[in-house]
Amino acid sequence: MTDQPSVLFVCVHNAGRSQMAAGWLRHLAGDRVEVRSAGSAPADAVNPAAVAAMREVGIDIADQRPALLAYDTVEASDVVVTMGCGDACPYFPGKRYEDWKLEDPAGKGVEAVRPIRDEIRNRIEKLLAELLPAGS
């Protein structure tokens, strides 16, 4: 890994889980980690319930746009975190891959998205502790 690790979050629509994860990592890591997110079949917009749930904790992801997963985005990332995208993500030897089993927030209200948001934060905090040693 380089001095600044890069993390790619991938889910099917790139509208809920991956956007919340990217929002958390940007918020908690600042500029110490390069953050990317993409989807194998991106939606037209970020899930409004995900936007609302993140806004409740002071993180604004309303300006994010779902993006199509590209081969070179995976290749350029140090860590690839998949969230229900199955085999759509290309595999590169030497990369760190994690598959986070998380409930899909699609079609759910903000009340149902809050626990997903909080679980993502817990996982981001753990990932961040592994990527950035104490004091960095």
N, C-alpha and C. Protein backbone atom coordinates (compact mmCIF):
# COMPACT_ATOMS: atom_id res chain seq x y z
N MET A 1 0.83 -1.19 0.00
CA MET A 1 0.00 0.00 0.00
C MET A 1 0.88 1.25 0.00
N THR A 2 0.37 2.31 -0.57
CA THR A 2 1.07 3.58 -0.57
C THR A 2 0.91 4.25 0.78
N ASP A 3 1.49 5.45 0.94
CA ASP A 3 1.34 6.18 2.19
C ASP A 3 -0.13 6.48 2.47
N GLN A 4 -0.89 6.73 1.43
CA GLN A 4 -2.32 7.00 1.58
C GLN A 4 -3.08 5.82 0.99
N PRO A 5 -3.63 4.95 1.84
CA PRO A 5 -4.37 3.81 1.30
C PRO A 5 -5.64 4.26 0.58
N SER A 6 -6.08 3.46 -0.38
CA SER A 6 -7.32 3.75 -1.08
C SER A 6 -8.30 2.60 -0.86
N VAL A 7 -9.55 2.96 -0.62
CA VAL A 7 -10.59 1.98 -0.34
C VAL A 7 -11.73 2.20 -1.33
N LEU A 8 -12.18 1.11 -1.92
CA LEU A 8 -13.31 1.12 -2.84
C LEU A 8 -14.45 0.34 -2.22
N PHE A 9 -15.63 0.97 -2.13
CA PHE A 9 -16.84 0.32 -1.65
C PHE A 9 -17.72 0.02 -2.85
N VAL A 10 -18.17 -1.23 -2.95
CA VAL A 10 -18.96 -1.65 -4.10
C VAL A 10 -20.25 -2.32 -3.65
N CYS A 11 -21.38 -1.85 -4.17
CA CYS A 11 -22.64 -2.57 -4.04
C CYS A 11 -23.36 -2.45 -5.38
N VAL A 12 -24.44 -3.15 -5.53
CA VAL A 12 -25.09 -3.23 -6.85
C VAL A 12 -25.46 -1.85 -7.39
N HIS A 13 -26.24 -1.10 -6.62
CA HIS A 13 -26.77 0.18 -7.12
C HIS A 13 -25.94 1.40 -6.75
N ASN A 14 -24.96 1.22 -5.87
CA ASN A 14 -24.11 2.33 -5.41
C ASN A 14 -24.97 3.50 -4.93
N ALA A 15 -26.05 3.16 -4.24
CA ALA A 15 -27.00 4.18 -3.82
C ALA A 15 -27.27 4.18 -2.32
N GLY A 16 -26.85 3.13 -1.61
CA GLY A 16 -27.15 3.05 -0.19
C GLY A 16 -25.94 2.67 0.64
N ARG A 17 -25.70 1.36 0.77
CA ARG A 17 -24.62 0.87 1.63
C ARG A 17 -23.26 1.44 1.26
N SER A 18 -22.90 1.37 0.00
CA SER A 18 -21.56 1.84 -0.41
C SER A 18 -21.43 3.34 -0.25
N GLN A 19 -22.50 4.08 -0.47
CA GLN A 19 -22.46 5.53 -0.29
C GLN A 19 -22.35 5.90 1.19
N MET A 20 -23.06 5.17 2.05
CA MET A 20 -22.95 5.44 3.48
C MET A 20 -21.55 5.09 3.97
N ALA A 21 -21.00 3.97 3.50
CA ALA A 21 -19.65 3.58 3.91
C ALA A 21 -18.62 4.62 3.46
N ALA A 22 -18.75 5.08 2.22
CA ALA A 22 -17.83 6.11 1.73
C ALA A 22 -17.97 7.39 2.55
N GLY A 23 -19.19 7.76 2.88
CA GLY A 23 -19.42 8.95 3.70
C GLY A 23 -18.78 8.83 5.07
N TRP A 24 -18.95 7.66 5.70
CA TRP A 24 -18.33 7.44 7.02
C TRP A 24 -16.82 7.51 6.94
N LEU A 25 -16.24 6.84 5.93
CA LEU A 25 -14.78 6.82 5.84
C LEU A 25 -14.22 8.21 5.57
N ARG A 26 -14.86 8.97 4.68
CA ARG A 26 -14.41 10.35 4.45
C ARG A 26 -14.48 11.16 5.74
N HIS A 27 -15.56 10.99 6.47
CA HIS A 27 -15.78 11.75 7.70
C HIS A 27 -14.75 11.38 8.77
N LEU A 28 -14.50 10.09 8.95
CA LEU A 28 -13.62 9.63 10.03
C LEU A 28 -12.13 9.69 9.68
N ALA A 29 -11.81 9.56 8.40
CA ALA A 29 -10.40 9.52 8.01
C ALA A 29 -9.90 10.84 7.45
N GLY A 30 -10.80 11.71 7.03
CA GLY A 30 -10.37 12.95 6.40
C GLY A 30 -9.60 12.64 5.13
N ASP A 31 -8.47 13.31 4.95
CA ASP A 31 -7.69 13.11 3.74
C ASP A 31 -6.62 12.03 3.89
N ARG A 32 -6.68 11.26 4.96
CA ARG A 32 -5.68 10.21 5.19
C ARG A 32 -5.95 8.94 4.37
N VAL A 33 -7.16 8.82 3.81
CA VAL A 33 -7.53 7.66 3.01
C VAL A 33 -8.25 8.16 1.76
N GLU A 34 -7.89 7.60 0.61
CA GLU A 34 -8.61 7.91 -0.62
C GLU A 34 -9.84 7.00 -0.67
N VAL A 35 -11.01 7.61 -0.86
CA VAL A 35 -12.28 6.89 -0.79
C VAL A 35 -12.94 6.88 -2.16
N ARG A 36 -13.39 5.67 -2.56
CA ARG A 36 -14.10 5.52 -3.83
C ARG A 36 -15.32 4.65 -3.58
N SER A 37 -16.34 4.83 -4.41
CA SER A 37 -17.48 3.91 -4.36
C SER A 37 -18.03 3.76 -5.77
N ALA A 38 -18.62 2.59 -6.01
CA ALA A 38 -19.15 2.29 -7.34
C ALA A 38 -20.17 1.16 -7.23
N GLY A 39 -20.89 0.93 -8.33
CA GLY A 39 -21.88 -0.13 -8.36
C GLY A 39 -21.85 -0.90 -9.67
N SER A 40 -22.24 -2.15 -9.61
CA SER A 40 -22.27 -2.98 -10.81
C SER A 40 -23.45 -2.62 -11.71
N ALA A 41 -24.51 -2.06 -11.13
CA ALA A 41 -25.67 -1.58 -11.89
C ALA A 41 -26.18 -0.32 -11.18
N PRO A 42 -25.45 0.81 -11.32
CA PRO A 42 -25.75 2.00 -10.52
C PRO A 42 -27.16 2.56 -10.74
N ALA A 43 -27.72 3.03 -9.64
CA ALA A 43 -29.04 3.69 -9.67
C ALA A 43 -28.89 5.09 -10.24
N ASP A 44 -30.00 5.78 -10.38
CA ASP A 44 -29.98 7.16 -10.88
C ASP A 44 -29.58 8.16 -9.81
N ALA A 45 -29.84 7.81 -8.55
CA ALA A 45 -29.55 8.75 -7.44
C ALA A 45 -29.31 7.96 -6.16
N VAL A 46 -28.72 8.63 -5.18
CA VAL A 46 -28.50 8.02 -3.88
C VAL A 46 -29.84 7.88 -3.17
N ASN A 47 -30.01 6.78 -2.45
CA ASN A 47 -31.23 6.48 -1.71
C ASN A 47 -31.53 7.62 -0.72
N PRO A 48 -32.72 8.24 -0.83
CA PRO A 48 -33.06 9.36 0.06
C PRO A 48 -33.06 8.97 1.54
N ALA A 49 -33.41 7.74 1.87
CA ALA A 49 -33.38 7.31 3.27
C ALA A 49 -31.94 7.22 3.77
N ALA A 50 -31.02 6.81 2.92
CA ALA A 50 -29.60 6.78 3.30
C ALA A 50 -29.09 8.20 3.51
N VAL A 51 -29.48 9.10 2.63
CA VAL A 51 -29.08 10.51 2.77
C VAL A 51 -29.60 11.06 4.10
N ALA A 52 -30.88 10.80 4.41
CA ALA A 52 -31.48 11.29 5.65
C ALA A 52 -30.82 10.69 6.88
N ALA A 53 -30.54 9.39 6.85
CA ALA A 53 -29.92 8.73 8.00
C ALA A 53 -28.51 9.28 8.24
N MET A 54 -27.77 9.52 7.18
CA MET A 54 -26.42 10.07 7.35
C MET A 54 -26.47 11.52 7.81
N ARG A 55 -27.42 12.27 7.32
CA ARG A 55 -27.57 13.67 7.74
C ARG A 55 -27.83 13.75 9.24
N GLU A 56 -28.53 12.76 9.79
CA GLU A 56 -28.81 12.74 11.23
C GLU A 56 -27.53 12.69 12.06
N VAL A 57 -26.45 12.15 11.51
CA VAL A 57 -25.18 12.07 12.23
C VAL A 57 -24.18 13.10 11.71
N GLY A 58 -24.67 14.09 10.99
CA GLY A 58 -23.83 15.19 10.55
C GLY A 58 -23.00 14.95 9.30
N ILE A 59 -23.37 13.94 8.51
CA ILE A 59 -22.63 13.63 7.28
C ILE A 59 -23.57 13.81 6.09
N ASP A 60 -23.17 14.67 5.17
CA ASP A 60 -24.01 14.96 4.01
C ASP A 60 -23.50 14.19 2.78
N ILE A 61 -24.29 13.24 2.32
CA ILE A 61 -23.94 12.49 1.11
C ILE A 61 -24.89 12.82 -0.04
N ALA A 62 -25.68 13.88 0.13
CA ALA A 62 -26.68 14.25 -0.88
C ALA A 62 -26.07 14.61 -2.22
N ASP A 63 -24.82 15.09 -2.23
CA ASP A 63 -24.19 15.50 -3.48
C ASP A 63 -23.50 14.35 -4.22
N GLN A 64 -23.51 13.15 -3.63
CA GLN A 64 -22.87 12.00 -4.27
C GLN A 64 -23.76 11.45 -5.39
N ARG A 65 -23.12 10.85 -6.38
CA ARG A 65 -23.84 10.27 -7.52
C ARG A 65 -23.37 8.83 -7.70
N PRO A 66 -24.31 7.89 -7.87
CA PRO A 66 -23.91 6.52 -8.15
C PRO A 66 -23.05 6.44 -9.41
N ALA A 67 -22.01 5.61 -9.34
CA ALA A 67 -21.06 5.48 -10.44
C ALA A 67 -20.94 4.01 -10.84
N LEU A 68 -20.66 3.80 -12.11
CA LEU A 68 -20.47 2.45 -12.63
C LEU A 68 -19.10 1.92 -12.22
N LEU A 69 -19.07 0.70 -11.74
CA LEU A 69 -17.83 0.04 -11.37
C LEU A 69 -16.95 -0.13 -12.61
N ALA A 70 -15.73 0.36 -12.53
CA ALA A 70 -14.79 0.26 -13.64
C ALA A 70 -13.60 -0.60 -13.23
N TYR A 71 -13.09 -1.34 -14.17
CA TYR A 71 -11.95 -2.22 -13.97
C TYR A 71 -10.77 -1.46 -13.36
N ASP A 72 -10.48 -0.29 -13.92
CA ASP A 72 -9.32 0.47 -13.43
C ASP A 72 -9.52 1.03 -12.02
N THR A 73 -10.77 1.24 -11.61
CA THR A 73 -11.04 1.71 -10.24
C THR A 73 -10.67 0.62 -9.24
N VAL A 74 -11.01 -0.62 -9.58
CA VAL A 74 -10.64 -1.75 -8.71
C VAL A 74 -9.13 -1.91 -8.70
N GLU A 75 -8.53 -1.84 -9.87
CA GLU A 75 -7.09 -2.01 -9.98
C GLU A 75 -6.32 -0.97 -9.18
N ALA A 76 -6.84 0.26 -9.10
CA ALA A 76 -6.17 1.36 -8.42
C ALA A 76 -6.44 1.39 -6.91
N SER A 77 -7.27 0.49 -6.40
CA SER A 77 -7.63 0.50 -4.98
C SER A 77 -6.82 -0.53 -4.21
N ASP A 78 -6.47 -0.19 -2.97
CA ASP A 78 -5.74 -1.10 -2.09
C ASP A 78 -6.68 -2.10 -1.42
N VAL A 79 -7.85 -1.60 -1.01
CA VAL A 79 -8.85 -2.42 -0.33
C VAL A 79 -10.16 -2.30 -1.09
N VAL A 80 -10.79 -3.44 -1.36
CA VAL A 80 -12.08 -3.47 -2.04
C VAL A 80 -13.08 -4.11 -1.10
N VAL A 81 -14.11 -3.35 -0.72
CA VAL A 81 -15.15 -3.84 0.17
C VAL A 81 -16.42 -4.01 -0.65
N THR A 82 -16.86 -5.26 -0.79
CA THR A 82 -18.09 -5.53 -1.52
C THR A 82 -19.24 -5.69 -0.54
N MET A 83 -20.41 -5.32 -1.03
CA MET A 83 -21.62 -5.35 -0.20
C MET A 83 -22.77 -5.91 -1.03
N GLY A 84 -22.71 -7.17 -1.34
CA GLY A 84 -23.81 -7.79 -2.07
C GLY A 84 -23.73 -7.65 -3.57
N CYS A 85 -22.54 -7.47 -4.14
CA CYS A 85 -22.46 -7.34 -5.60
C CYS A 85 -22.04 -8.65 -6.25
N GLY A 86 -21.86 -9.69 -5.46
CA GLY A 86 -21.54 -11.00 -6.01
C GLY A 86 -20.26 -11.02 -6.80
N ASP A 87 -20.28 -11.65 -7.96
CA ASP A 87 -19.09 -11.83 -8.78
C ASP A 87 -18.85 -10.68 -9.74
N ALA A 88 -19.59 -9.59 -9.61
CA ALA A 88 -19.46 -8.47 -10.55
C ALA A 88 -18.14 -7.72 -10.39
N CYS A 89 -17.48 -7.91 -9.28
CA CYS A 89 -16.25 -7.17 -8.99
C CYS A 89 -15.04 -7.93 -9.51
N PRO A 90 -14.21 -7.31 -10.35
CA PRO A 90 -13.01 -7.99 -10.84
C PRO A 90 -12.05 -8.31 -9.69
N TYR A 91 -11.30 -9.36 -9.84
CA TYR A 91 -10.36 -9.78 -8.82
C TYR A 91 -8.93 -9.52 -9.28
N PHE A 92 -8.15 -8.87 -8.42
CA PHE A 92 -6.74 -8.64 -8.69
C PHE A 92 -5.93 -9.26 -7.55
N PRO A 93 -5.00 -10.15 -7.86
CA PRO A 93 -4.16 -10.73 -6.81
C PRO A 93 -3.41 -9.62 -6.07
N GLY A 94 -3.25 -9.81 -4.78
CA GLY A 94 -2.51 -8.86 -3.97
C GLY A 94 -3.36 -7.75 -3.36
N LYS A 95 -4.60 -7.63 -3.78
CA LYS A 95 -5.51 -6.64 -3.19
C LYS A 95 -6.17 -7.26 -1.97
N ARG A 96 -6.57 -6.42 -1.07
CA ARG A 96 -7.33 -6.88 0.09
C ARG A 96 -8.82 -6.77 -0.24
N TYR A 97 -9.52 -7.88 -0.13
CA TYR A 97 -10.96 -7.91 -0.39
C TYR A 97 -11.69 -8.27 0.89
N GLU A 98 -12.80 -7.57 1.13
CA GLU A 98 -13.70 -7.89 2.24
C GLU A 98 -15.11 -7.88 1.68
N ASP A 99 -15.92 -8.83 2.13
CA ASP A 99 -17.33 -8.84 1.74
C ASP A 99 -18.15 -8.62 3.00
N TRP A 100 -18.80 -7.46 3.07
CA TRP A 100 -19.60 -7.11 4.23
C TRP A 100 -21.04 -7.50 3.97
N LYS A 101 -21.55 -8.41 4.77
CA LYS A 101 -22.95 -8.83 4.68
C LYS A 101 -23.78 -7.80 5.44
N LEU A 102 -24.46 -6.96 4.69
CA LEU A 102 -25.28 -5.90 5.27
C LEU A 102 -26.65 -5.92 4.61
N GLU A 103 -27.67 -5.62 5.38
CA GLU A 103 -29.01 -5.52 4.82
C GLU A 103 -29.06 -4.40 3.79
N ASP A 104 -29.79 -4.62 2.72
CA ASP A 104 -29.94 -3.62 1.66
C ASP A 104 -30.97 -2.59 2.09
N PRO A 105 -30.62 -1.30 2.12
CA PRO A 105 -31.57 -0.27 2.53
C PRO A 105 -32.59 0.11 1.44
N ALA A 106 -32.48 -0.46 0.26
CA ALA A 106 -33.39 -0.10 -0.84
C ALA A 106 -34.84 -0.32 -0.43
N GLY A 107 -35.66 0.70 -0.65
CA GLY A 107 -37.09 0.61 -0.38
C GLY A 107 -37.47 0.74 1.08
N LYS A 108 -36.51 0.99 1.94
CA LYS A 108 -36.78 1.10 3.38
C LYS A 108 -36.80 2.56 3.81
N GLY A 109 -37.51 2.82 4.89
CA GLY A 109 -37.54 4.16 5.46
C GLY A 109 -36.33 4.41 6.33
N VAL A 110 -36.19 5.65 6.76
CA VAL A 110 -35.01 6.04 7.55
C VAL A 110 -34.90 5.24 8.85
N GLU A 111 -36.03 4.86 9.44
CA GLU A 111 -35.99 4.10 10.69
C GLU A 111 -35.28 2.76 10.48
N ALA A 112 -35.52 2.13 9.35
CA ALA A 112 -34.90 0.84 9.04
C ALA A 112 -33.45 1.00 8.57
N VAL A 113 -33.10 2.18 8.08
CA VAL A 113 -31.74 2.43 7.57
C VAL A 113 -30.78 2.76 8.71
N ARG A 114 -31.28 3.32 9.80
CA ARG A 114 -30.40 3.70 10.92
C ARG A 114 -29.52 2.55 11.42
N PRO A 115 -30.09 1.35 11.68
CA PRO A 115 -29.22 0.27 12.16
C PRO A 115 -28.16 -0.15 11.13
N ILE A 116 -28.49 -0.06 9.85
CA ILE A 116 -27.52 -0.37 8.79
C ILE A 116 -26.42 0.67 8.83
N ARG A 117 -26.79 1.94 8.93
CA ARG A 117 -25.82 3.04 9.03
C ARG A 117 -24.87 2.82 10.20
N ASP A 118 -25.43 2.44 11.35
CA ASP A 118 -24.62 2.26 12.55
C ASP A 118 -23.69 1.05 12.43
N GLU A 119 -24.16 -0.02 11.81
CA GLU A 119 -23.30 -1.19 11.58
C GLU A 119 -22.16 -0.84 10.64
N ILE A 120 -22.45 -0.04 9.62
CA ILE A 120 -21.41 0.39 8.69
C ILE A 120 -20.37 1.22 9.44
N ARG A 121 -20.80 2.11 10.31
CA ARG A 121 -19.83 2.91 11.08
C ARG A 121 -18.90 2.00 11.89
N ASN A 122 -19.46 1.00 12.55
CA ASN A 122 -18.65 0.07 13.34
C ASN A 122 -17.60 -0.60 12.47
N ARG A 123 -18.00 -1.03 11.28
CA ARG A 123 -17.06 -1.71 10.39
C ARG A 123 -16.01 -0.74 9.85
N ILE A 124 -16.41 0.50 9.58
CA ILE A 124 -15.47 1.51 9.10
C ILE A 124 -14.43 1.82 10.17
N GLU A 125 -14.86 1.94 11.41
CA GLU A 125 -13.93 2.21 12.51
C GLU A 125 -12.90 1.09 12.63
N LYS A 126 -13.33 -0.15 12.50
CA LYS A 126 -12.41 -1.29 12.56
C LYS A 126 -11.45 -1.27 11.37
N LEU A 127 -11.97 -1.03 10.17
CA LEU A 127 -11.13 -0.96 8.98
C LEU A 127 -10.11 0.17 9.10
N LEU A 128 -10.54 1.30 9.57
CA LEU A 128 -9.66 2.45 9.72
C LEU A 128 -8.54 2.17 10.71
N ALA A 129 -8.86 1.49 11.80
CA ALA A 129 -7.83 1.14 12.79
C ALA A 129 -6.78 0.21 12.18
N GLU A 130 -7.21 -0.63 11.23
CA GLU A 130 -6.27 -1.55 10.58
C GLU A 130 -5.43 -0.83 9.52
N LEU A 131 -6.03 0.14 8.84
CA LEU A 131 -5.33 0.84 7.76
C LEU A 131 -4.36 1.90 8.26
N LEU A 132 -4.75 2.58 9.33
CA LEU A 132 -3.94 3.68 9.84
C LEU A 132 -3.51 3.38 11.27
N PRO A 133 -2.26 3.05 11.45
CA PRO A 133 -1.77 2.77 12.81
C PRO A 133 -2.02 3.98 13.72
N ALA A 134 -2.13 3.72 14.99
CA ALA A 134 -2.35 4.78 15.97
C ALA A 134 -1.31 5.89 15.80
N GLY A 135 -1.82 7.11 15.86
CA GLY A 135 -0.94 8.27 15.75
C GLY A 135 -0.69 8.76 14.34
N SER A 136 -1.26 8.07 13.35
CA SER A 136 -1.03 8.54 11.97
C SER A 136 -2.11 9.49 11.51
